[in-house]
N, C-alpha and C. Protein backbone atom coordinates (compact mmCIF):
# COMPACT_ATOMS: atom_id res chain seq x y z
N MET A 1 13.32 -2.11 -19.48
CA MET A 1 12.85 -3.50 -19.77
C MET A 1 12.94 -3.81 -21.23
N GLY A 2 12.88 -5.22 -21.33
CA GLY A 2 13.35 -5.54 -22.77
C GLY A 2 14.87 -6.14 -22.92
N LYS A 3 14.97 -6.63 -23.87
CA LYS A 3 16.34 -7.32 -24.45
C LYS A 3 17.29 -6.89 -24.08
N GLN A 4 18.17 -7.66 -22.87
CA GLN A 4 19.67 -6.77 -22.54
C GLN A 4 20.38 -6.32 -23.71
N GLY A 5 20.89 -4.95 -23.50
CA GLY A 5 21.74 -4.31 -24.39
C GLY A 5 20.78 -3.26 -25.18
N SER A 6 19.68 -3.76 -25.47
CA SER A 6 18.74 -2.88 -26.54
C SER A 6 18.36 -1.33 -25.90
N CYS A 7 18.36 -0.29 -27.14
CA CYS A 7 18.10 0.94 -26.87
C CYS A 7 16.82 0.94 -26.01
N LEU A 8 15.89 -0.06 -26.27
CA LEU A 8 14.33 0.28 -25.35
C LEU A 8 14.48 -0.34 -24.09
N LYS A 9 15.59 -0.91 -23.43
CA LYS A 9 15.55 -1.32 -22.51
C LYS A 9 16.30 -0.40 -21.57
N ARG A 10 17.60 0.42 -22.42
CA ARG A 10 18.05 1.45 -21.70
C ARG A 10 16.86 2.77 -21.32
N PHE A 11 16.18 3.09 -22.19
CA PHE A 11 15.24 4.40 -22.49
C PHE A 11 14.18 3.66 -21.47
N THR A 12 13.57 2.79 -21.07
CA THR A 12 12.81 2.51 -20.30
C THR A 12 13.27 2.60 -18.62
N ASP A 13 14.77 2.36 -18.44
CA ASP A 13 15.40 2.41 -17.34
C ASP A 13 15.51 3.55 -16.76
N ILE A 14 15.60 4.65 -18.08
CA ILE A 14 16.10 6.10 -17.69
C ILE A 14 14.28 6.67 -17.21
N VAL A 15 13.65 6.68 -17.75
CA VAL A 15 12.44 6.79 -17.60
C VAL A 15 11.67 6.51 -16.32
N ILE A 16 11.85 5.26 -16.26
CA ILE A 16 11.35 4.58 -14.81
C ILE A 16 12.34 5.33 -13.34
N SER A 17 13.40 5.24 -14.01
CA SER A 17 14.01 5.64 -12.76
C SER A 17 14.01 7.21 -12.58
N ILE A 18 14.17 8.32 -13.40
CA ILE A 18 13.64 9.35 -13.45
C ILE A 18 12.61 9.71 -12.51
N ILE A 19 11.21 9.07 -13.22
CA ILE A 19 9.69 9.28 -12.47
C ILE A 19 9.90 8.51 -10.82
N THR A 20 10.30 7.59 -10.86
CA THR A 20 10.36 7.03 -9.74
C THR A 20 11.17 7.74 -8.63
N ILE A 21 12.25 8.41 -8.83
CA ILE A 21 13.03 9.54 -7.79
C ILE A 21 11.94 10.61 -7.89
N ILE A 22 11.29 11.30 -8.74
CA ILE A 22 11.02 12.41 -8.50
C ILE A 22 9.43 12.15 -7.48
N ILE A 23 8.55 10.87 -8.09
CA ILE A 23 7.59 10.35 -7.18
C ILE A 23 7.83 10.41 -5.52
N THR A 24 9.31 9.25 -5.65
CA THR A 24 9.46 8.83 -4.19
C THR A 24 10.47 9.96 -3.32
N SER A 25 10.95 11.22 -4.03
CA SER A 25 11.54 11.93 -3.14
C SER A 25 11.18 12.31 -2.09
N PRO A 26 10.05 12.44 -1.76
CA PRO A 26 9.66 12.74 -0.30
C PRO A 26 10.21 11.54 0.89
N ILE A 27 10.04 10.68 0.16
CA ILE A 27 10.26 9.16 1.13
C ILE A 27 11.72 9.14 1.07
N LEU A 28 12.51 9.56 0.17
CA LEU A 28 13.99 9.22 0.01
C LEU A 28 14.61 10.11 1.06
N LEU A 29 13.79 11.22 1.13
CA LEU A 29 14.24 13.06 2.27
C LEU A 29 13.88 12.15 3.38
N ILE A 30 12.69 11.73 3.73
CA ILE A 30 12.44 11.12 5.23
C ILE A 30 13.02 10.03 5.49
N SER A 31 13.39 9.15 4.55
CA SER A 31 14.49 8.11 4.67
C SER A 31 15.49 8.67 5.57
N ALA A 32 16.26 9.01 4.97
CA ALA A 32 17.42 9.73 5.03
C ALA A 32 17.53 10.37 6.44
N LEU A 33 16.48 11.24 6.55
CA LEU A 33 16.36 11.97 7.96
C LEU A 33 16.29 11.11 9.08
N VAL A 34 15.38 10.06 9.28
CA VAL A 34 15.01 8.93 10.03
C VAL A 34 16.59 8.07 10.52
N ILE A 35 17.22 7.81 9.23
CA ILE A 35 18.50 6.90 9.46
C ILE A 35 19.24 7.91 10.37
N LYS A 36 19.35 9.17 10.01
CA LYS A 36 20.49 9.86 10.63
C LYS A 36 20.02 9.92 12.40
N ILE A 37 18.74 9.84 12.24
CA ILE A 37 18.31 10.36 13.65
C ILE A 37 18.37 8.95 14.90
N ASP A 38 17.95 8.12 13.79
CA ASP A 38 18.00 6.36 14.59
C ASP A 38 19.65 5.98 15.13
N SER A 39 20.43 6.02 14.16
CA SER A 39 21.84 5.88 14.46
C SER A 39 23.10 6.28 13.70
N LYS A 40 24.03 6.78 14.54
CA LYS A 40 25.51 7.23 14.11
C LYS A 40 25.71 6.62 12.82
N GLY A 41 26.35 7.28 11.73
CA GLY A 41 26.94 6.83 10.48
C GLY A 41 26.42 7.29 9.36
N PRO A 42 26.91 7.00 8.37
CA PRO A 42 26.45 7.64 7.05
C PRO A 42 24.99 7.61 6.49
N VAL A 43 24.15 7.99 5.94
CA VAL A 43 22.88 7.98 5.17
C VAL A 43 22.97 6.39 4.21
N PHE A 44 23.59 6.73 3.51
CA PHE A 44 24.06 5.39 2.70
C PHE A 44 25.20 4.34 2.59
N PHE A 45 25.05 3.33 2.06
CA PHE A 45 26.05 2.33 2.55
C PHE A 45 26.04 1.84 0.93
N PHE A 46 27.68 2.05 0.60
CA PHE A 46 28.22 1.52 -1.07
C PHE A 46 28.90 0.04 -0.56
N HIS A 47 28.05 -1.11 -1.34
CA HIS A 47 29.04 -2.02 -1.26
C HIS A 47 29.24 -2.83 -2.62
N GLU A 48 30.51 -3.19 -2.51
CA GLU A 48 30.70 -3.62 -3.60
C GLU A 48 30.19 -4.95 -4.64
N ARG A 49 29.84 -4.58 -5.95
CA ARG A 49 29.28 -5.69 -6.21
C ARG A 49 29.65 -5.84 -7.91
N THR A 50 29.56 -7.14 -8.43
CA THR A 50 30.02 -7.43 -9.36
C THR A 50 28.64 -7.30 -10.68
N GLY A 51 29.22 -6.22 -11.82
CA GLY A 51 28.32 -6.09 -12.46
C GLY A 51 28.54 -6.44 -13.90
N LEU A 52 28.25 -5.97 -14.91
CA LEU A 52 28.38 -6.33 -16.37
C LEU A 52 29.83 -6.82 -16.91
N LYS A 53 30.12 -7.86 -17.62
CA LYS A 53 31.39 -8.16 -17.76
C LYS A 53 32.42 -8.36 -16.54
N GLY A 54 31.72 -9.08 -15.39
CA GLY A 54 32.54 -8.96 -14.27
C GLY A 54 33.18 -8.00 -13.66
N LYS A 55 32.29 -6.49 -14.15
CA LYS A 55 33.21 -5.39 -13.78
C LYS A 55 32.84 -4.98 -12.27
N PRO A 56 33.24 -4.50 -11.07
CA PRO A 56 33.06 -4.36 -9.85
C PRO A 56 32.51 -2.84 -9.89
N PHE A 57 31.41 -3.02 -9.24
CA PHE A 57 30.88 -1.48 -9.16
C PHE A 57 29.83 -1.09 -7.47
N LYS A 58 30.16 0.06 -6.96
CA LYS A 58 29.80 0.39 -5.92
C LYS A 58 27.93 0.59 -5.97
N MET A 59 27.29 -0.44 -5.43
CA MET A 59 25.91 -0.04 -5.19
C MET A 59 25.51 0.49 -4.11
N ILE A 60 24.92 1.51 -4.28
CA ILE A 60 23.82 2.14 -3.38
C ILE A 60 22.83 1.89 -2.57
N LYS A 61 22.62 2.04 -1.37
CA LYS A 61 21.67 1.33 -0.74
C LYS A 61 21.70 2.37 0.87
N PHE A 62 20.23 2.42 0.98
CA PHE A 62 20.22 3.34 2.26
C PHE A 62 20.80 2.21 3.54
N ARG A 63 21.68 2.90 4.41
CA ARG A 63 22.36 2.19 5.70
C ARG A 63 21.00 1.73 6.32
N GLY A 64 21.24 0.07 6.61
CA GLY A 64 19.86 -0.56 7.37
C GLY A 64 20.71 -0.97 8.52
N MET A 65 21.89 -1.12 8.42
CA MET A 65 22.66 -1.73 9.55
C MET A 65 23.51 -0.43 10.23
N ILE A 66 24.06 -0.96 11.87
CA ILE A 66 24.87 -0.17 12.50
C ILE A 66 25.84 0.24 11.46
N ASP A 67 26.79 1.22 11.80
CA ASP A 67 27.97 2.19 11.25
C ASP A 67 28.84 1.11 11.32
N ASN A 68 29.85 0.75 10.21
CA ASN A 68 30.70 -0.46 10.05
C ASN A 68 30.20 -1.88 10.61
N ALA A 69 29.00 -2.31 10.10
CA ALA A 69 28.23 -3.35 10.07
C ALA A 69 29.05 -4.50 9.60
N LEU A 70 29.98 -4.35 8.50
CA LEU A 70 30.85 -5.45 8.00
C LEU A 70 32.31 -5.44 8.97
N LEU A 71 32.63 -4.91 9.89
CA LEU A 71 33.28 -4.95 10.79
C LEU A 71 32.79 -5.85 11.89
N HIS A 72 31.71 -6.10 12.15
CA HIS A 72 31.14 -6.82 13.17
C HIS A 72 30.16 -7.90 13.10
N GLY A 73 30.55 -8.41 11.83
CA GLY A 73 29.92 -9.86 11.65
C GLY A 73 29.94 -10.18 10.01
N PRO A 74 29.34 -10.90 9.16
CA PRO A 74 29.56 -11.70 8.06
C PRO A 74 29.09 -10.48 7.01
N GLY A 75 29.73 -10.71 5.97
CA GLY A 75 29.49 -9.77 4.74
C GLY A 75 27.66 -10.12 4.18
N ILE A 76 27.09 -11.31 4.55
CA ILE A 76 25.95 -11.49 4.14
C ILE A 76 25.05 -11.34 5.22
N THR A 77 23.82 -10.37 4.96
CA THR A 77 22.82 -10.82 6.15
C THR A 77 22.18 -11.95 6.71
N GLN A 78 22.11 -12.30 7.87
CA GLN A 78 21.71 -13.49 8.58
C GLN A 78 20.24 -13.27 8.84
N VAL A 79 19.48 -14.02 9.02
CA VAL A 79 18.45 -14.36 9.90
C VAL A 79 18.34 -13.36 11.08
N ASN A 80 17.55 -12.82 11.43
CA ASN A 80 17.60 -11.70 12.75
C ASN A 80 18.88 -11.28 13.09
N ASP A 81 19.57 -10.94 12.21
CA ASP A 81 20.71 -9.50 12.21
C ASP A 81 20.86 -9.18 13.48
N PRO A 82 21.58 -8.80 14.43
CA PRO A 82 21.23 -7.90 15.13
C PRO A 82 22.28 -6.64 14.95
N ARG A 83 22.83 -6.60 13.93
CA ARG A 83 23.23 -5.49 13.01
C ARG A 83 22.07 -4.63 12.75
N ILE A 84 21.08 -5.15 12.23
CA ILE A 84 20.23 -4.32 11.70
C ILE A 84 19.53 -3.06 12.81
N THR A 85 19.55 -2.09 12.28
CA THR A 85 18.52 -1.09 13.26
C THR A 85 17.25 -1.19 13.08
N ARG A 86 16.98 -0.03 14.07
CA ARG A 86 15.33 -0.29 14.41
C ARG A 86 14.75 0.43 13.01
N VAL A 87 15.08 1.30 12.27
CA VAL A 87 14.73 2.12 10.96
C VAL A 87 14.97 1.08 9.74
N GLY A 88 16.41 0.43 9.71
CA GLY A 88 16.77 -0.48 9.03
C GLY A 88 15.74 -1.97 8.88
N LYS A 89 15.22 -2.20 9.76
CA LYS A 89 14.23 -3.25 9.89
C LYS A 89 12.68 -2.94 8.70
N ILE A 90 12.43 -1.76 8.89
CA ILE A 90 11.36 -1.01 8.02
C ILE A 90 11.85 -0.68 6.95
N LEU A 91 13.04 -0.27 6.70
CA LEU A 91 13.54 0.30 5.16
C LEU A 91 13.59 -1.34 4.17
N ARG A 92 13.99 -2.43 4.94
CA ARG A 92 14.68 -3.56 4.46
C ARG A 92 12.72 -4.31 4.16
N ARG A 93 12.10 -4.42 5.24
CA ARG A 93 10.92 -4.86 5.24
C ARG A 93 10.24 -4.28 3.85
N THR A 94 10.15 -2.86 3.54
CA THR A 94 9.23 -2.20 2.67
C THR A 94 10.39 -2.28 1.61
N SER A 95 11.35 -2.86 1.59
CA SER A 95 12.15 -2.58 0.31
C SER A 95 12.45 -1.09 0.07
N ILE A 96 12.44 -0.15 0.77
CA ILE A 96 12.65 1.36 0.75
C ILE A 96 14.41 1.39 0.71
N ASP A 97 15.12 0.71 1.06
CA ASP A 97 16.40 0.60 1.22
C ASP A 97 16.89 0.49 -0.21
N GLU A 98 16.69 0.03 -0.98
CA GLU A 98 16.74 -0.22 -2.22
C GLU A 98 16.59 0.60 -3.37
N LEU A 99 15.79 1.67 -2.89
CA LEU A 99 15.51 2.87 -3.88
C LEU A 99 16.84 4.02 -4.42
N PRO A 100 17.75 3.99 -3.21
CA PRO A 100 18.85 4.66 -4.24
C PRO A 100 20.12 4.11 -5.04
N GLN A 101 19.40 2.47 -5.27
CA GLN A 101 20.04 2.04 -6.32
C GLN A 101 19.64 2.62 -8.21
N LEU A 102 18.45 3.48 -7.75
CA LEU A 102 18.07 4.07 -9.02
C LEU A 102 18.76 5.06 -9.75
N PHE A 103 20.02 5.70 -8.60
CA PHE A 103 20.93 6.09 -9.47
C PHE A 103 22.14 5.57 -10.06
N ASN A 104 22.36 3.98 -9.58
CA ASN A 104 22.97 3.33 -10.05
C ASN A 104 22.44 3.03 -11.73
N VAL A 105 21.24 2.85 -11.83
CA VAL A 105 20.36 2.60 -12.80
C VAL A 105 20.87 4.11 -13.91
N LEU A 106 20.56 4.95 -13.67
CA LEU A 106 20.84 6.22 -14.16
C LEU A 106 22.34 6.16 -14.68
N LYS A 107 23.36 6.02 -13.55
CA LYS A 107 24.74 5.84 -14.40
C LYS A 107 24.84 4.67 -15.28
N GLY A 108 23.97 3.54 -15.45
CA GLY A 108 24.19 2.88 -16.44
C GLY A 108 25.14 1.69 -15.78
N GLU A 109 25.01 1.55 -14.40
CA GLU A 109 25.57 0.42 -13.55
C GLU A 109 24.78 -0.56 -13.40
N MET A 110 23.72 -0.46 -13.32
CA MET A 110 22.43 -1.61 -13.14
C MET A 110 21.18 -0.85 -14.53
N SER A 111 20.26 -2.17 -14.20
CA SER A 111 19.01 -2.03 -14.92
C SER A 111 18.09 -2.11 -13.67
N ILE A 112 16.71 -1.87 -14.42
CA ILE A 112 15.58 -1.71 -13.49
C ILE A 112 15.28 -3.18 -13.22
N ILE A 113 15.49 -4.26 -14.49
CA ILE A 113 15.36 -5.42 -14.26
C ILE A 113 16.75 -5.98 -14.41
N GLY A 114 16.85 -7.32 -13.99
CA GLY A 114 18.40 -7.59 -14.53
C GLY A 114 18.54 -8.81 -13.04
N PRO A 115 19.42 -9.63 -13.40
CA PRO A 115 20.11 -10.71 -12.28
C PRO A 115 20.41 -9.54 -11.46
N ARG A 116 20.35 -10.14 -9.98
CA ARG A 116 20.76 -9.17 -8.86
C ARG A 116 22.00 -9.49 -8.79
N PRO A 117 22.66 -8.27 -8.36
CA PRO A 117 24.30 -8.32 -8.29
C PRO A 117 24.63 -8.78 -7.10
N GLU A 118 25.70 -9.58 -7.48
CA GLU A 118 26.26 -10.30 -6.58
C GLU A 118 27.55 -10.02 -5.61
N ILE A 119 27.21 -9.91 -4.56
CA ILE A 119 28.68 -9.30 -3.92
C ILE A 119 30.09 -10.25 -4.23
N THR A 120 31.15 -9.09 -4.42
CA THR A 120 32.34 -9.49 -5.15
C THR A 120 33.10 -10.71 -4.89
N SER A 121 33.44 -10.62 -3.05
CA SER A 121 33.63 -11.87 -2.67
C SER A 121 33.13 -13.43 -3.02
N ILE A 122 32.09 -13.23 -3.07
CA ILE A 122 31.17 -14.65 -3.53
C ILE A 122 31.43 -15.06 -5.60
N THR A 123 31.65 -13.91 -6.27
CA THR A 123 31.81 -14.24 -7.64
C THR A 123 32.91 -14.14 -8.15
N ALA A 124 34.21 -14.03 -7.33
CA ALA A 124 35.39 -14.33 -7.44
C ALA A 124 35.70 -15.82 -7.28
N SER A 125 34.68 -16.67 -6.99
CA SER A 125 35.08 -18.31 -7.15
C SER A 125 33.65 -18.70 -7.97
N TYR A 126 33.52 -17.70 -8.88
CA TYR A 126 32.35 -18.55 -10.06
C TYR A 126 32.92 -19.22 -10.94
N SER A 127 32.46 -20.44 -11.12
CA SER A 127 32.97 -21.17 -12.21
C SER A 127 32.61 -20.55 -13.82
N LYS A 128 33.38 -20.94 -14.93
CA LYS A 128 32.99 -20.34 -15.81
C LYS A 128 31.54 -20.26 -16.14
N GLU A 129 30.79 -21.31 -15.85
CA GLU A 129 29.17 -21.38 -15.77
C GLU A 129 28.53 -20.13 -15.21
N HIS A 130 28.83 -20.37 -14.07
CA HIS A 130 28.38 -19.10 -13.44
C HIS A 130 28.72 -17.92 -13.63
N GLN A 131 29.56 -17.53 -14.10
CA GLN A 131 30.37 -16.17 -14.80
C GLN A 131 29.31 -16.01 -16.16
N LYS A 132 28.63 -16.69 -16.53
CA LYS A 132 27.55 -16.36 -17.87
C LYS A 132 26.79 -15.16 -17.48
N VAL A 133 26.37 -15.23 -15.90
CA VAL A 133 25.53 -13.96 -15.29
C VAL A 133 25.87 -12.62 -15.79
N PHE A 134 27.01 -12.65 -16.10
CA PHE A 134 28.16 -11.41 -16.46
C PHE A 134 27.73 -10.82 -17.65
N GLU A 135 27.35 -11.49 -18.55
CA GLU A 135 26.72 -11.21 -19.67
C GLU A 135 25.68 -9.99 -19.36
N PHE A 136 24.89 -9.91 -18.54
CA PHE A 136 23.81 -9.39 -18.31
C PHE A 136 23.89 -8.01 -17.31
N LEU A 137 23.54 -7.40 -17.68
CA LEU A 137 23.43 -6.07 -16.67
C LEU A 137 22.47 -6.18 -15.46
N PRO A 138 23.04 -5.99 -14.25
CA PRO A 138 22.37 -6.40 -13.35
C PRO A 138 21.09 -5.51 -12.73
N GLY A 139 20.13 -5.75 -11.99
CA GLY A 139 18.85 -5.21 -11.62
C GLY A 139 18.58 -5.20 -10.46
N ILE A 140 17.68 -3.90 -10.10
CA ILE A 140 17.17 -3.92 -8.90
C ILE A 140 16.11 -4.65 -8.57
N THR A 141 15.55 -5.29 -9.57
CA THR A 141 14.35 -6.49 -9.30
C THR A 141 15.19 -7.53 -10.68
N GLY A 142 14.45 -8.74 -10.40
CA GLY A 142 14.70 -9.56 -11.35
C GLY A 142 13.73 -10.68 -10.92
N ILE A 143 14.12 -11.73 -11.94
CA ILE A 143 13.37 -12.81 -11.81
C ILE A 143 13.75 -13.58 -10.75
N SER A 144 15.07 -13.70 -9.87
CA SER A 144 15.28 -14.34 -8.98
C SER A 144 14.85 -13.68 -7.31
N GLN A 145 14.32 -12.41 -7.71
CA GLN A 145 13.43 -11.38 -6.82
C GLN A 145 12.37 -11.84 -6.44
N ILE A 146 11.29 -12.18 -7.61
CA ILE A 146 9.98 -12.51 -7.41
C ILE A 146 9.74 -14.28 -7.25
N ASN A 147 11.31 -14.69 -7.24
CA ASN A 147 11.13 -16.25 -7.15
C ASN A 147 11.79 -16.85 -5.90
N GLY A 148 11.60 -16.27 -4.70
CA GLY A 148 12.47 -16.86 -3.43
C GLY A 148 13.32 -16.01 -3.02
N ARG A 149 13.73 -14.72 -3.81
CA ARG A 149 14.29 -13.51 -3.46
C ARG A 149 15.90 -14.05 -2.29
N GLN A 150 15.67 -13.74 -1.40
CA GLN A 150 16.88 -14.13 -0.18
C GLN A 150 16.69 -15.72 0.37
N THR A 151 15.89 -16.06 0.20
CA THR A 151 15.76 -17.66 0.09
C THR A 151 16.54 -18.49 -0.58
N LEU A 152 16.93 -17.80 -1.62
CA LEU A 152 17.53 -18.73 -2.63
C LEU A 152 19.37 -18.61 -2.50
N THR A 153 19.65 -19.91 -2.91
CA THR A 153 21.59 -19.92 -2.68
C THR A 153 22.02 -19.13 -3.91
N PRO A 154 23.13 -18.31 -3.64
CA PRO A 154 23.60 -17.99 -4.85
C PRO A 154 23.83 -18.94 -5.88
N GLU A 155 24.02 -20.26 -5.49
CA GLU A 155 23.84 -20.92 -7.23
C GLU A 155 22.27 -21.03 -7.69
N GLN A 156 21.40 -21.15 -6.96
CA GLN A 156 20.00 -21.33 -7.69
C GLN A 156 19.96 -20.00 -8.20
N ARG A 157 20.10 -19.08 -7.51
CA ARG A 157 19.90 -17.67 -8.01
C ARG A 157 20.48 -17.65 -9.49
N ASN A 158 21.64 -17.87 -9.45
CA ASN A 158 22.78 -17.75 -10.59
C ASN A 158 22.15 -18.35 -11.95
N LYS A 159 21.76 -20.17 -11.36
CA LYS A 159 21.18 -20.95 -12.74
C LYS A 159 19.61 -20.02 -13.11
N MET A 160 19.01 -19.69 -12.21
CA MET A 160 17.65 -19.00 -12.68
C MET A 160 18.01 -18.11 -13.45
N GLU A 161 18.76 -16.83 -12.88
CA GLU A 161 19.12 -15.89 -14.14
C GLU A 161 19.62 -15.70 -15.30
N ILE A 162 20.94 -16.99 -15.35
CA ILE A 162 21.12 -16.92 -16.76
C ILE A 162 19.72 -17.83 -17.36
N GLU A 163 19.30 -18.39 -16.95
CA GLU A 163 18.41 -19.32 -18.08
C GLU A 163 17.44 -17.81 -18.26
N TYR A 164 16.61 -17.21 -17.51
CA TYR A 164 16.03 -16.21 -17.84
C TYR A 164 16.44 -15.08 -18.81
N TYR A 165 17.49 -14.27 -18.53
CA TYR A 165 18.05 -13.09 -19.21
C TYR A 165 18.67 -13.59 -20.53
N SER A 166 18.97 -15.09 -20.75
CA SER A 166 19.48 -15.28 -22.25
C SER A 166 18.12 -15.13 -23.18
N ASN A 167 16.98 -15.44 -22.22
CA ASN A 167 15.67 -15.31 -23.35
C ASN A 167 14.76 -14.14 -22.83
N GLU A 168 15.00 -12.98 -22.44
CA GLU A 168 14.18 -11.83 -21.74
C GLU A 168 13.50 -11.28 -23.09
N THR A 169 12.29 -10.86 -22.61
CA THR A 169 12.12 -9.97 -23.46
C THR A 169 11.12 -8.94 -22.46
N PHE A 170 10.88 -8.08 -23.31
CA PHE A 170 9.67 -6.92 -22.84
C PHE A 170 9.02 -7.16 -21.99
N TRP A 171 7.93 -7.96 -22.50
CA TRP A 171 6.93 -8.49 -22.06
C TRP A 171 7.15 -9.16 -20.59
N LYS A 172 8.21 -9.98 -20.87
CA LYS A 172 8.41 -10.88 -19.62
C LYS A 172 9.19 -9.78 -18.36
N ASP A 173 9.82 -8.85 -18.88
CA ASP A 173 10.36 -7.88 -17.69
C ASP A 173 9.12 -7.40 -17.31
N LEU A 174 8.10 -6.76 -17.89
CA LEU A 174 6.85 -5.83 -17.40
C LEU A 174 6.14 -6.89 -16.66
N ARG A 175 5.98 -8.10 -16.63
CA ARG A 175 5.47 -9.06 -15.76
C ARG A 175 6.50 -9.32 -14.60
N ILE A 176 7.63 -8.96 -14.76
CA ILE A 176 8.50 -9.09 -13.47
C ILE A 176 8.27 -7.61 -12.36
N PHE A 177 8.46 -6.83 -13.60
CA PHE A 177 8.15 -5.26 -12.95
C PHE A 177 6.76 -5.02 -11.78
N PHE A 178 5.58 -5.58 -12.25
CA PHE A 178 4.17 -5.40 -11.93
C PHE A 178 4.64 -6.67 -10.48
N VAL A 179 4.75 -7.87 -10.83
CA VAL A 179 4.98 -8.79 -9.78
C VAL A 179 5.64 -8.26 -8.47
N THR A 180 6.92 -7.85 -8.72
CA THR A 180 7.87 -7.01 -7.71
C THR A 180 6.79 -6.71 -6.72
N PHE A 181 6.05 -5.77 -6.75
CA PHE A 181 4.94 -4.85 -6.09
C PHE A 181 4.32 -6.23 -5.13
N TRP A 182 3.83 -7.07 -5.47
CA TRP A 182 3.26 -7.78 -4.92
C TRP A 182 4.39 -8.75 -4.00
N VAL A 183 5.45 -8.99 -4.29
CA VAL A 183 6.37 -9.42 -3.63
C VAL A 183 6.87 -8.76 -2.20
N ILE A 184 6.82 -7.63 -2.83
CA ILE A 184 7.25 -6.32 -1.30
C ILE A 184 6.14 -6.27 -0.65
N VAL A 185 4.99 -6.11 -1.02
CA VAL A 185 3.95 -6.13 0.00
C VAL A 185 3.49 -7.29 0.62
N THR A 186 4.06 -8.49 0.26
CA THR A 186 3.69 -9.56 1.30
C THR A 186 5.06 -10.51 1.56
N ASN A 187 6.01 -9.50 1.62
CA ASN A 187 7.31 -9.45 2.47
C ASN A 187 7.90 -11.02 1.67
N LYS A 188 7.66 -11.56 0.58
CA LYS A 188 7.57 -12.97 0.37
C LYS A 188 9.28 -13.27 0.03
N GLY A 189 10.08 -14.25 0.82
CA GLY A 189 11.40 -14.46 0.45
C GLY A 189 12.30 -13.53 1.01
N ASN A 190 11.94 -12.40 2.01
CA ASN A 190 12.95 -11.49 2.53
C ASN A 190 13.16 -12.20 3.80
N ILE A 191 14.48 -11.84 4.62
CA ILE A 191 14.43 -11.78 6.02
C ILE A 191 15.19 -10.55 6.05
C-alpha cells in the first residue's frame, strides 16, 4: 500500500501476501481438492493479462470454469455463464478464486492494491490515453473493485484507475483494503 513504485508499497505487498497465504493455507488446500473432485482439469487457471509498462504476464486463479472454457465461449465471463462449475460459483462468489494471485504479488507482477489487470486482447486496442494505466502495477483489489467491480466497462474502469493511481496514498489504499472485505461479503458488483 502506498505510492506506486515505493519501497513501502512493495514491503507491505510482500508482508500482506505472506501472512495471507499462511492464514488461508487450509482454504487454499481445500479449494484445490474440491476443484479436482468437482470437475476434470487443472486446479489453477493461468490467464494472460497486461501488467506494468504494458508487459504481459500470467495471472493465476483457481479454475472456476470447465476445463478449456475459452474454447467453449467468450474470453470474458458472462452473466449466468454455463461454463462456471458448481465449485466455481462458490469460489467466485467468495472471491477465493483470487487468492492464488498472492503468488503474482510475491513475484512482483502484481500488487495488493492497484488497477485490475486487463485481458491482453482488450488492452491491444487501448488508446494512448488508456495506456496510461500501464504506468501502475496491477492489483488484486483496487478502486474499481470497490466501485462497481464487474459492472463497469473497461473504459469506465480505466478512467477511474488512471485518476486514482496518479494520486494514490498509503491511507487511501488502506481504505480500499478494508472496503474490499465489505464488497466481497455483500457480493456487490460481482457476476
